[in-house]
């Protein structure tokens, strides 16, 4: 009887050790960061930060981001507040593609490159749809670097200012991300 009890305890110990070895090691704690920034998108004027590079031409031989099929490249200032006098903390660099047949929606793919503030040297990679006639639009945060390494999250985009005639806008980005 004692031999079978010892054998049973031996098997139980082996089973517990095996099960313990199959559990993953606890990783670093996951942080949640929320930030609000403003992107100043200007297609016209001396401070233009965006340019259309392809699409169907309109008179006089130019592309219009408000037309289906137009592609624009941007290098927009990112600031802490909604005014142009607000502190610049980075740049939004990438492309917009007007991907909605009626011209009222863009596909966005750009990086927010932080050059100042607490996230300087870090980036967030943004991708998603912008149906700019809607008050709020949701987009995905698909990657990041530096402070935002291994990030995943989402953002809510809201138009803070829009001058359609001159193709100038200020966009509020409210971003929530999880990262290590």
N, C-alpha and C. Protein backbone atom coordinates (compact mmCIF):
# COMPACT_ATOMS: atom_id res chain seq x y z
N UNK A 1 0.82 -1.19 0.00
CA UNK A 1 0.00 0.00 0.00
C UNK A 1 0.87 1.26 0.00
N UNK A 2 1.92 1.27 0.82
CA UNK A 2 2.81 2.43 0.89
C UNK A 2 3.49 2.66 -0.44
N UNK A 3 3.85 1.58 -1.16
CA UNK A 3 4.49 1.70 -2.46
C UNK A 3 3.57 2.33 -3.49
N UNK A 4 2.31 1.94 -3.48
CA UNK A 4 1.37 2.52 -4.45
C UNK A 4 1.07 3.98 -4.11
N UNK A 5 1.06 4.33 -2.82
CA UNK A 5 0.85 5.73 -2.42
C UNK A 5 2.02 6.59 -2.88
N UNK A 6 3.26 6.08 -2.68
CA UNK A 6 4.45 6.83 -3.12
C UNK A 6 4.43 7.00 -4.64
N UNK A 7 4.06 5.95 -5.37
CA UNK A 7 4.00 6.02 -6.83
C UNK A 7 2.94 7.03 -7.27
N UNK A 8 1.78 7.02 -6.61
CA UNK A 8 0.72 7.98 -6.92
C UNK A 8 1.20 9.41 -6.67
N UNK A 9 1.87 9.67 -5.54
CA UNK A 9 2.40 11.01 -5.23
C UNK A 9 3.46 11.42 -6.25
N UNK A 10 4.29 10.46 -6.67
CA UNK A 10 5.30 10.74 -7.68
C UNK A 10 4.64 11.16 -8.99
N UNK A 11 3.60 10.43 -9.44
CA UNK A 11 2.89 10.79 -10.67
C UNK A 11 2.16 12.13 -10.53
N UNK A 12 1.59 12.37 -9.37
CA UNK A 12 0.91 13.64 -9.12
C UNK A 12 1.92 14.79 -9.20
N UNK A 13 3.09 14.62 -8.60
CA UNK A 13 4.13 15.66 -8.62
C UNK A 13 4.58 15.92 -10.06
N UNK A 14 4.81 14.85 -10.83
CA UNK A 14 5.20 15.01 -12.23
C UNK A 14 4.13 15.74 -13.02
N UNK A 15 2.88 15.41 -12.78
CA UNK A 15 1.77 16.05 -13.49
C UNK A 15 1.70 17.54 -13.16
N UNK A 16 1.83 17.88 -11.89
CA UNK A 16 1.79 19.29 -11.47
C UNK A 16 2.96 20.05 -12.08
N UNK A 17 4.16 19.46 -12.05
CA UNK A 17 5.34 20.12 -12.65
C UNK A 17 5.15 20.31 -14.15
N UNK A 18 4.60 19.31 -14.83
CA UNK A 18 4.36 19.42 -16.27
C UNK A 18 3.36 20.55 -16.55
N UNK A 19 2.26 20.57 -15.83
CA UNK A 19 1.25 21.61 -16.03
C UNK A 19 1.82 22.99 -15.73
N UNK A 20 2.61 23.13 -14.69
CA UNK A 20 3.21 24.42 -14.35
C UNK A 20 4.15 24.90 -15.44
N UNK A 21 4.84 23.98 -16.09
CA UNK A 21 5.78 24.38 -17.14
C UNK A 21 5.08 24.80 -18.42
N UNK A 22 3.80 24.46 -18.60
CA UNK A 22 3.08 24.82 -19.81
C UNK A 22 2.42 26.19 -19.73
N UNK A 23 2.32 26.77 -18.54
CA UNK A 23 1.73 28.11 -18.40
C UNK A 23 2.74 29.15 -18.87
N UNK A 24 2.29 30.16 -19.62
CA UNK A 24 3.22 31.18 -20.09
C UNK A 24 3.75 32.03 -18.94
N UNK A 25 4.97 32.51 -19.14
CA UNK A 25 5.56 33.42 -18.16
C UNK A 25 4.77 34.73 -18.19
N UNK A 26 4.56 35.35 -17.05
CA UNK A 26 3.87 36.64 -17.08
C UNK A 26 4.76 37.68 -17.77
N UNK A 27 4.18 38.44 -18.70
CA UNK A 27 4.93 39.45 -19.43
C UNK A 27 4.89 40.78 -18.69
N UNK A 28 5.49 41.77 -19.31
CA UNK A 28 5.45 43.09 -18.70
C UNK A 28 4.01 43.60 -18.64
N UNK A 29 3.72 44.49 -17.72
CA UNK A 29 2.34 44.98 -17.61
C UNK A 29 1.95 45.79 -18.86
N UNK A 30 0.70 45.66 -19.24
CA UNK A 30 0.20 46.40 -20.40
C UNK A 30 -0.32 47.75 -19.92
N UNK A 31 0.14 48.82 -20.61
CA UNK A 31 -0.27 50.18 -20.28
C UNK A 31 -1.35 50.64 -21.26
N UNK A 32 -2.18 51.54 -20.83
CA UNK A 32 -3.14 52.21 -21.70
C UNK A 32 -2.79 53.69 -21.72
N UNK A 33 -2.68 54.24 -22.92
CA UNK A 33 -2.38 55.66 -23.07
C UNK A 33 -3.47 56.30 -23.91
N UNK A 34 -3.96 57.44 -23.46
CA UNK A 34 -4.92 58.23 -24.22
C UNK A 34 -4.29 59.58 -24.48
N UNK A 35 -4.34 60.04 -25.72
CA UNK A 35 -3.83 61.37 -26.04
C UNK A 35 -4.71 62.02 -27.08
N UNK A 36 -4.72 63.33 -27.06
CA UNK A 36 -5.47 64.14 -28.01
C UNK A 36 -4.47 65.07 -28.69
N UNK A 37 -4.44 65.02 -30.02
CA UNK A 37 -3.58 65.89 -30.81
C UNK A 37 -4.40 66.46 -31.96
N UNK A 38 -3.84 67.48 -32.61
CA UNK A 38 -4.52 68.15 -33.71
C UNK A 38 -3.62 68.15 -34.94
N UNK A 39 -4.19 67.76 -36.08
CA UNK A 39 -3.47 67.71 -37.35
C UNK A 39 -3.96 68.86 -38.21
N UNK A 40 -3.02 69.68 -38.70
CA UNK A 40 -3.34 70.85 -39.53
C UNK A 40 -3.07 70.49 -40.98
N UNK A 41 -4.13 70.26 -41.73
CA UNK A 41 -4.05 69.76 -43.10
C UNK A 41 -4.39 70.89 -44.07
N UNK A 42 -3.38 71.38 -44.80
CA UNK A 42 -3.55 72.54 -45.68
C UNK A 42 -3.12 72.20 -47.10
N UNK A 43 -4.08 72.18 -48.02
CA UNK A 43 -3.78 71.93 -49.43
C UNK A 43 -3.48 73.22 -50.19
N UNK A 44 -3.75 74.37 -49.58
CA UNK A 44 -3.52 75.64 -50.27
C UNK A 44 -2.83 76.62 -49.33
N UNK A 45 -2.35 77.71 -49.91
CA UNK A 45 -1.73 78.78 -49.14
C UNK A 45 -0.22 78.61 -49.01
N UNK A 46 0.43 79.63 -48.46
CA UNK A 46 1.90 79.59 -48.32
C UNK A 46 2.38 78.53 -47.32
N UNK A 47 1.49 78.10 -46.46
CA UNK A 47 1.84 77.07 -45.46
C UNK A 47 1.26 75.70 -45.84
N UNK A 48 1.05 75.45 -47.15
CA UNK A 48 0.48 74.18 -47.61
C UNK A 48 1.36 73.02 -47.16
N UNK A 49 0.70 71.97 -46.66
CA UNK A 49 1.41 70.80 -46.13
C UNK A 49 0.97 69.52 -46.82
N UNK A 50 0.10 69.64 -47.83
CA UNK A 50 -0.43 68.50 -48.55
C UNK A 50 -0.48 68.83 -50.03
N UNK A 51 -0.27 67.80 -50.83
CA UNK A 51 -0.31 68.01 -52.28
C UNK A 51 -0.94 66.79 -52.93
N UNK A 52 -1.81 67.05 -53.92
CA UNK A 52 -2.37 65.93 -54.68
C UNK A 52 -1.35 65.54 -55.74
N UNK A 53 -1.17 64.23 -55.92
CA UNK A 53 -0.13 63.74 -56.83
C UNK A 53 -0.66 62.89 -57.97
N UNK A 54 -1.90 62.44 -57.89
CA UNK A 54 -2.46 61.61 -58.95
C UNK A 54 -3.98 61.63 -58.86
N UNK A 55 -4.62 61.31 -59.98
CA UNK A 55 -6.07 61.24 -60.03
C UNK A 55 -6.59 61.79 -61.34
N UNK A 56 -7.91 61.96 -61.41
CA UNK A 56 -8.51 62.56 -62.60
C UNK A 56 -8.33 64.06 -62.52
N UNK A 57 -7.83 64.63 -63.58
CA UNK A 57 -7.56 66.07 -63.58
C UNK A 57 -8.83 66.87 -63.76
N UNK A 58 -8.83 68.03 -63.10
CA UNK A 58 -9.89 69.02 -63.29
C UNK A 58 -9.23 70.25 -63.89
N UNK A 59 -10.02 71.14 -64.43
CA UNK A 59 -9.45 72.37 -65.01
C UNK A 59 -9.00 73.28 -63.89
N UNK A 60 -7.94 73.97 -63.95
CA UNK A 60 -6.93 73.93 -65.02
C UNK A 60 -5.82 72.93 -64.67
N UNK A 61 -5.86 71.78 -65.23
CA UNK A 61 -4.83 70.72 -65.12
C UNK A 61 -4.35 70.50 -63.68
N UNK A 62 -5.30 70.24 -62.77
CA UNK A 62 -4.92 69.95 -61.39
C UNK A 62 -5.77 68.80 -60.88
N UNK A 63 -5.33 68.24 -59.77
CA UNK A 63 -6.06 67.16 -59.12
C UNK A 63 -6.79 67.76 -57.92
N UNK A 64 -7.94 67.18 -57.57
CA UNK A 64 -8.71 67.67 -56.43
C UNK A 64 -8.97 66.49 -55.50
N UNK A 65 -8.52 66.60 -54.25
CA UNK A 65 -8.66 65.52 -53.27
C UNK A 65 -10.12 65.16 -53.02
N UNK A 66 -11.05 66.03 -53.40
CA UNK A 66 -12.47 65.76 -53.20
C UNK A 66 -13.07 64.94 -54.34
N UNK A 67 -12.24 64.45 -55.27
CA UNK A 67 -12.72 63.61 -56.38
C UNK A 67 -12.22 62.19 -56.22
N UNK A 68 -13.08 61.24 -56.51
CA UNK A 68 -12.76 59.82 -56.45
C UNK A 68 -11.48 59.53 -57.24
N UNK A 69 -10.59 58.74 -56.65
CA UNK A 69 -9.37 58.31 -57.31
C UNK A 69 -8.17 59.20 -57.11
N UNK A 70 -8.35 60.32 -56.43
CA UNK A 70 -7.22 61.23 -56.21
C UNK A 70 -6.37 60.76 -55.04
N UNK A 71 -5.07 60.91 -55.20
CA UNK A 71 -4.10 60.53 -54.16
C UNK A 71 -3.35 61.79 -53.73
N UNK A 72 -3.21 61.95 -52.43
CA UNK A 72 -2.48 63.09 -51.87
C UNK A 72 -1.40 62.59 -50.92
N UNK A 73 -0.31 63.34 -50.88
CA UNK A 73 0.78 63.07 -49.94
C UNK A 73 0.79 64.23 -48.95
N UNK A 74 0.95 63.90 -47.65
CA UNK A 74 0.86 64.92 -46.61
C UNK A 74 2.07 64.89 -45.69
N UNK A 75 2.40 66.06 -45.18
CA UNK A 75 3.40 66.25 -44.12
C UNK A 75 2.86 67.36 -43.23
N UNK A 76 1.82 67.02 -42.47
CA UNK A 76 1.06 68.00 -41.69
C UNK A 76 1.63 68.19 -40.29
N UNK A 77 1.62 69.43 -39.79
CA UNK A 77 2.00 69.64 -38.39
C UNK A 77 0.99 68.99 -37.44
N UNK A 78 1.49 68.46 -36.35
CA UNK A 78 0.67 67.91 -35.27
C UNK A 78 0.93 68.77 -34.04
N UNK A 79 -0.14 69.30 -33.46
CA UNK A 79 0.01 70.22 -32.33
C UNK A 79 -0.77 69.74 -31.11
N UNK A 80 -0.45 70.34 -29.97
CA UNK A 80 -1.15 70.01 -28.72
C UNK A 80 -2.56 70.58 -28.69
N UNK A 81 -2.78 71.69 -29.37
CA UNK A 81 -4.09 72.35 -29.36
C UNK A 81 -4.58 72.62 -30.77
N UNK A 82 -5.79 73.15 -30.90
CA UNK A 82 -6.40 73.32 -32.21
C UNK A 82 -5.94 74.53 -33.01
N UNK A 83 -5.22 75.46 -32.41
CA UNK A 83 -4.82 76.65 -33.14
C UNK A 83 -3.42 76.47 -33.74
N UNK A 84 -3.14 77.27 -34.78
CA UNK A 84 -1.82 77.19 -35.40
C UNK A 84 -0.72 77.69 -34.47
N UNK A 85 -1.10 78.43 -33.43
CA UNK A 85 -0.12 78.92 -32.45
C UNK A 85 0.20 77.86 -31.40
N UNK A 86 -0.54 76.76 -31.38
CA UNK A 86 -0.30 75.69 -30.40
C UNK A 86 1.09 75.09 -30.63
N UNK A 87 1.63 74.51 -29.57
CA UNK A 87 2.95 73.90 -29.64
C UNK A 87 2.94 72.71 -30.60
N UNK A 88 3.86 72.71 -31.57
CA UNK A 88 4.00 71.58 -32.49
C UNK A 88 4.75 70.46 -31.78
N UNK A 89 4.17 69.26 -31.82
CA UNK A 89 4.80 68.11 -31.15
C UNK A 89 5.14 66.99 -32.13
N UNK A 90 4.83 67.21 -33.42
CA UNK A 90 5.16 66.18 -34.39
C UNK A 90 4.64 66.50 -35.77
N UNK A 91 4.73 65.48 -36.64
CA UNK A 91 4.25 65.59 -38.02
C UNK A 91 3.42 64.36 -38.35
N UNK A 92 2.40 64.56 -39.17
CA UNK A 92 1.60 63.46 -39.72
C UNK A 92 2.03 63.31 -41.17
N UNK A 93 2.73 62.21 -41.46
CA UNK A 93 3.28 62.02 -42.80
C UNK A 93 2.73 60.74 -43.41
N UNK A 94 2.23 60.86 -44.65
CA UNK A 94 1.69 59.68 -45.32
C UNK A 94 0.87 60.06 -46.53
N UNK A 95 -0.21 59.30 -46.74
CA UNK A 95 -1.02 59.50 -47.95
C UNK A 95 -2.50 59.38 -47.64
N UNK A 96 -3.30 60.11 -48.45
CA UNK A 96 -4.75 60.00 -48.45
C UNK A 96 -5.14 59.56 -49.85
N UNK A 97 -6.09 58.67 -49.93
CA UNK A 97 -6.62 58.24 -51.22
C UNK A 97 -8.13 58.43 -51.18
N UNK A 98 -8.67 59.20 -52.13
CA UNK A 98 -10.12 59.35 -52.17
C UNK A 98 -10.68 58.06 -52.76
N UNK A 99 -11.23 57.23 -51.90
CA UNK A 99 -11.63 55.88 -52.29
C UNK A 99 -13.14 55.69 -52.30
N UNK A 100 -13.88 56.76 -52.15
CA UNK A 100 -15.34 56.64 -52.18
C UNK A 100 -15.83 57.26 -53.47
N UNK A 101 -16.65 56.51 -54.21
CA UNK A 101 -17.05 56.93 -55.56
C UNK A 101 -17.66 58.32 -55.61
N UNK A 102 -18.41 58.69 -54.58
CA UNK A 102 -19.02 60.03 -54.58
C UNK A 102 -18.04 61.11 -54.11
N UNK A 103 -16.80 60.73 -53.79
CA UNK A 103 -15.77 61.69 -53.40
C UNK A 103 -15.78 62.11 -51.95
N UNK A 104 -16.66 61.53 -51.14
CA UNK A 104 -16.82 62.00 -49.77
C UNK A 104 -16.08 61.16 -48.72
N UNK A 105 -15.17 60.31 -49.17
CA UNK A 105 -14.46 59.47 -48.21
C UNK A 105 -13.03 59.21 -48.63
N UNK A 106 -12.15 59.25 -47.66
CA UNK A 106 -10.73 59.01 -47.90
C UNK A 106 -10.29 57.74 -47.21
N UNK A 107 -9.27 57.11 -47.76
CA UNK A 107 -8.55 56.05 -47.07
C UNK A 107 -7.25 56.68 -46.60
N UNK A 108 -6.97 56.58 -45.30
CA UNK A 108 -5.80 57.21 -44.71
C UNK A 108 -4.75 56.16 -44.38
N UNK A 109 -3.51 56.49 -44.61
CA UNK A 109 -2.40 55.68 -44.13
C UNK A 109 -1.25 56.68 -43.86
N UNK A 110 -0.99 56.90 -42.57
CA UNK A 110 0.06 57.86 -42.24
C UNK A 110 0.67 57.55 -40.88
N UNK A 111 1.83 58.15 -40.66
CA UNK A 111 2.54 58.02 -39.39
C UNK A 111 2.45 59.34 -38.65
N UNK A 112 2.17 59.27 -37.36
CA UNK A 112 2.34 60.45 -36.51
C UNK A 112 3.73 60.29 -35.90
N UNK A 113 4.62 61.19 -36.30
CA UNK A 113 6.02 61.15 -35.86
C UNK A 113 6.19 62.23 -34.81
N UNK A 114 6.39 61.82 -33.57
CA UNK A 114 6.50 62.77 -32.46
C UNK A 114 7.92 63.33 -32.42
N UNK A 115 8.02 64.66 -32.50
CA UNK A 115 9.31 65.35 -32.47
C UNK A 115 9.50 66.16 -31.20
N UNK A 116 8.47 66.30 -30.41
CA UNK A 116 8.54 67.05 -29.17
C UNK A 116 7.58 66.48 -28.14
N UNK A 117 7.69 66.97 -26.92
CA UNK A 117 6.80 66.50 -25.86
C UNK A 117 7.27 65.17 -25.29
N UNK A 118 6.43 64.56 -24.47
CA UNK A 118 6.82 63.35 -23.76
C UNK A 118 7.00 62.13 -24.66
N UNK A 119 6.48 62.15 -25.89
CA UNK A 119 6.60 61.01 -26.79
C UNK A 119 7.63 61.23 -27.90
N UNK A 120 8.47 62.25 -27.78
CA UNK A 120 9.48 62.57 -28.80
C UNK A 120 10.30 61.33 -29.15
N UNK A 121 10.47 61.11 -30.46
CA UNK A 121 11.21 59.96 -30.94
C UNK A 121 10.35 58.73 -31.18
N UNK A 122 9.07 58.80 -30.87
CA UNK A 122 8.15 57.67 -31.04
C UNK A 122 7.23 57.94 -32.23
N UNK A 123 6.58 56.88 -32.71
CA UNK A 123 5.62 57.03 -33.81
C UNK A 123 4.37 56.21 -33.53
N UNK A 124 3.29 56.61 -34.16
CA UNK A 124 2.05 55.83 -34.23
C UNK A 124 1.70 55.67 -35.70
N UNK A 125 1.34 54.46 -36.10
CA UNK A 125 0.97 54.18 -37.48
C UNK A 125 -0.55 54.08 -37.56
N UNK A 126 -1.14 54.95 -38.37
CA UNK A 126 -2.59 55.09 -38.46
C UNK A 126 -3.08 54.62 -39.82
N UNK A 127 -4.22 53.94 -39.80
CA UNK A 127 -4.80 53.43 -41.03
C UNK A 127 -6.30 53.38 -40.88
N UNK A 128 -7.02 53.74 -41.93
CA UNK A 128 -8.47 53.61 -41.86
C UNK A 128 -9.21 54.54 -42.78
N UNK A 129 -10.50 54.54 -42.61
CA UNK A 129 -11.41 55.30 -43.46
C UNK A 129 -11.73 56.64 -42.81
N UNK A 130 -11.89 57.65 -43.65
CA UNK A 130 -12.29 58.98 -43.18
C UNK A 130 -13.44 59.47 -44.05
N UNK A 131 -14.66 59.21 -43.61
CA UNK A 131 -15.86 59.74 -44.28
C UNK A 131 -16.06 61.12 -43.68
N UNK A 132 -15.41 62.12 -44.27
CA UNK A 132 -15.26 63.42 -43.60
C UNK A 132 -16.55 64.19 -43.41
N UNK A 133 -17.66 63.76 -44.00
CA UNK A 133 -18.95 64.40 -43.74
C UNK A 133 -19.51 63.99 -42.38
N UNK A 134 -18.99 62.90 -41.82
CA UNK A 134 -19.45 62.44 -40.50
C UNK A 134 -18.78 63.27 -39.41
N UNK A 135 -19.49 63.50 -38.31
CA UNK A 135 -18.92 64.27 -37.20
C UNK A 135 -17.72 63.55 -36.60
N UNK A 136 -17.88 62.27 -36.30
CA UNK A 136 -16.79 61.47 -35.73
C UNK A 136 -16.53 60.26 -36.60
N UNK A 137 -15.23 59.96 -36.81
CA UNK A 137 -14.83 58.80 -37.58
C UNK A 137 -13.81 58.01 -36.77
N UNK A 138 -13.92 56.69 -36.80
CA UNK A 138 -13.00 55.84 -36.05
C UNK A 138 -11.96 55.27 -37.00
N UNK A 139 -10.72 55.17 -36.52
CA UNK A 139 -9.63 54.61 -37.31
C UNK A 139 -8.79 53.70 -36.44
N UNK A 140 -7.94 52.91 -37.07
CA UNK A 140 -7.12 51.96 -36.34
C UNK A 140 -5.70 52.45 -36.14
N UNK A 141 -5.14 52.11 -34.99
CA UNK A 141 -3.71 52.28 -34.73
C UNK A 141 -3.12 50.89 -34.92
N UNK A 142 -2.30 50.72 -35.94
CA UNK A 142 -1.86 49.38 -36.32
C UNK A 142 -0.44 49.05 -35.88
N UNK A 143 0.31 50.04 -35.44
CA UNK A 143 1.70 49.79 -35.05
C UNK A 143 2.24 51.05 -34.38
N UNK A 144 3.48 50.94 -33.91
CA UNK A 144 4.14 52.09 -33.32
C UNK A 144 5.59 51.77 -32.99
N UNK A 145 6.33 52.80 -32.62
CA UNK A 145 7.73 52.62 -32.24
C UNK A 145 8.01 53.43 -30.98
N UNK A 146 9.18 53.18 -30.39
CA UNK A 146 9.57 53.93 -29.19
C UNK A 146 8.63 53.65 -28.04
N UNK A 147 8.08 54.71 -27.46
CA UNK A 147 7.15 54.60 -26.34
C UNK A 147 5.96 53.70 -26.71
N UNK A 148 5.62 53.67 -27.99
CA UNK A 148 4.44 52.94 -28.47
C UNK A 148 4.78 51.60 -29.11
N UNK A 149 5.90 51.01 -28.75
CA UNK A 149 6.28 49.70 -29.29
C UNK A 149 5.22 48.65 -28.95
N UNK A 150 4.88 47.81 -29.89
CA UNK A 150 3.85 46.76 -29.76
C UNK A 150 2.46 47.33 -29.48
N UNK A 151 2.19 48.52 -29.95
CA UNK A 151 0.92 49.17 -29.69
C UNK A 151 -0.21 48.55 -30.52
N UNK A 152 -1.40 48.63 -29.98
CA UNK A 152 -2.62 48.39 -30.74
C UNK A 152 -3.67 49.30 -30.14
N UNK A 153 -4.56 49.78 -31.00
CA UNK A 153 -5.57 50.68 -30.46
C UNK A 153 -6.44 51.26 -31.55
N UNK A 154 -7.10 52.34 -31.19
CA UNK A 154 -8.03 53.00 -32.10
C UNK A 154 -8.01 54.49 -31.80
N UNK A 155 -8.62 55.23 -32.70
CA UNK A 155 -8.75 56.66 -32.49
C UNK A 155 -10.08 57.14 -33.02
N UNK A 156 -10.49 58.27 -32.51
CA UNK A 156 -11.69 58.96 -32.99
C UNK A 156 -11.21 60.27 -33.61
N UNK A 157 -11.58 60.47 -34.86
CA UNK A 157 -11.20 61.67 -35.59
C UNK A 157 -12.41 62.58 -35.67
N UNK A 158 -12.19 63.86 -35.42
CA UNK A 158 -13.28 64.83 -35.48
C UNK A 158 -12.76 66.09 -36.15
N UNK A 159 -13.53 66.65 -37.06
CA UNK A 159 -13.12 67.87 -37.73
C UNK A 159 -13.33 69.05 -36.79
N UNK A 160 -12.24 69.70 -36.41
CA UNK A 160 -12.32 70.88 -35.54
C UNK A 160 -12.54 72.15 -36.37
N UNK A 161 -12.04 72.15 -37.60
CA UNK A 161 -12.20 73.30 -38.50
C UNK A 161 -12.14 72.78 -39.93
N UNK A 162 -13.01 73.32 -40.81
CA UNK A 162 -12.99 72.91 -42.21
C UNK A 162 -13.30 74.10 -43.10
N UNK A 163 -12.42 74.38 -44.05
CA UNK A 163 -12.63 75.39 -45.08
C UNK A 163 -12.57 74.63 -46.41
N UNK A 164 -13.71 74.15 -46.88
CA UNK A 164 -13.75 73.31 -48.08
C UNK A 164 -13.30 74.09 -49.31
N UNK A 165 -13.69 75.35 -49.42
CA UNK A 165 -13.33 76.15 -50.60
C UNK A 165 -11.81 76.24 -50.76
N UNK A 166 -11.08 76.34 -49.66
CA UNK A 166 -9.62 76.46 -49.72
C UNK A 166 -8.90 75.17 -49.34
N UNK A 167 -9.66 74.09 -49.12
CA UNK A 167 -9.10 72.78 -48.77
C UNK A 167 -8.13 72.88 -47.59
N UNK A 168 -8.63 73.43 -46.49
CA UNK A 168 -7.84 73.55 -45.27
C UNK A 168 -8.68 73.00 -44.12
N UNK A 169 -8.06 72.20 -43.26
CA UNK A 169 -8.80 71.60 -42.15
C UNK A 169 -7.89 71.41 -40.95
N UNK A 170 -8.50 71.38 -39.79
CA UNK A 170 -7.82 71.01 -38.55
C UNK A 170 -8.60 69.82 -38.01
N UNK A 171 -7.90 68.72 -37.81
CA UNK A 171 -8.53 67.47 -37.40
C UNK A 171 -8.07 67.11 -35.99
N UNK A 172 -9.03 66.86 -35.12
CA UNK A 172 -8.74 66.42 -33.75
C UNK A 172 -8.66 64.90 -33.75
N UNK A 173 -7.54 64.36 -33.24
CA UNK A 173 -7.37 62.91 -33.10
C UNK A 173 -7.37 62.58 -31.62
N UNK A 174 -8.33 61.79 -31.18
CA UNK A 174 -8.41 61.31 -29.80
C UNK A 174 -8.03 59.82 -29.87
N UNK A 175 -6.84 59.50 -29.38
CA UNK A 175 -6.23 58.17 -29.57
C UNK A 175 -6.19 57.42 -28.24
N UNK A 176 -6.57 56.15 -28.29
CA UNK A 176 -6.46 55.25 -27.13
C UNK A 176 -5.68 54.01 -27.59
N UNK A 177 -4.56 53.74 -26.91
CA UNK A 177 -3.73 52.60 -27.29
C UNK A 177 -3.32 51.79 -26.08
N UNK A 178 -3.08 50.51 -26.33
CA UNK A 178 -2.53 49.60 -25.32
C UNK A 178 -1.14 49.19 -25.79
N UNK A 179 -0.17 49.19 -24.87
CA UNK A 179 1.20 48.88 -25.23
C UNK A 179 1.97 48.47 -23.98
N UNK A 180 3.19 48.05 -24.17
CA UNK A 180 4.05 47.65 -23.03
C UNK A 180 4.84 48.82 -22.52
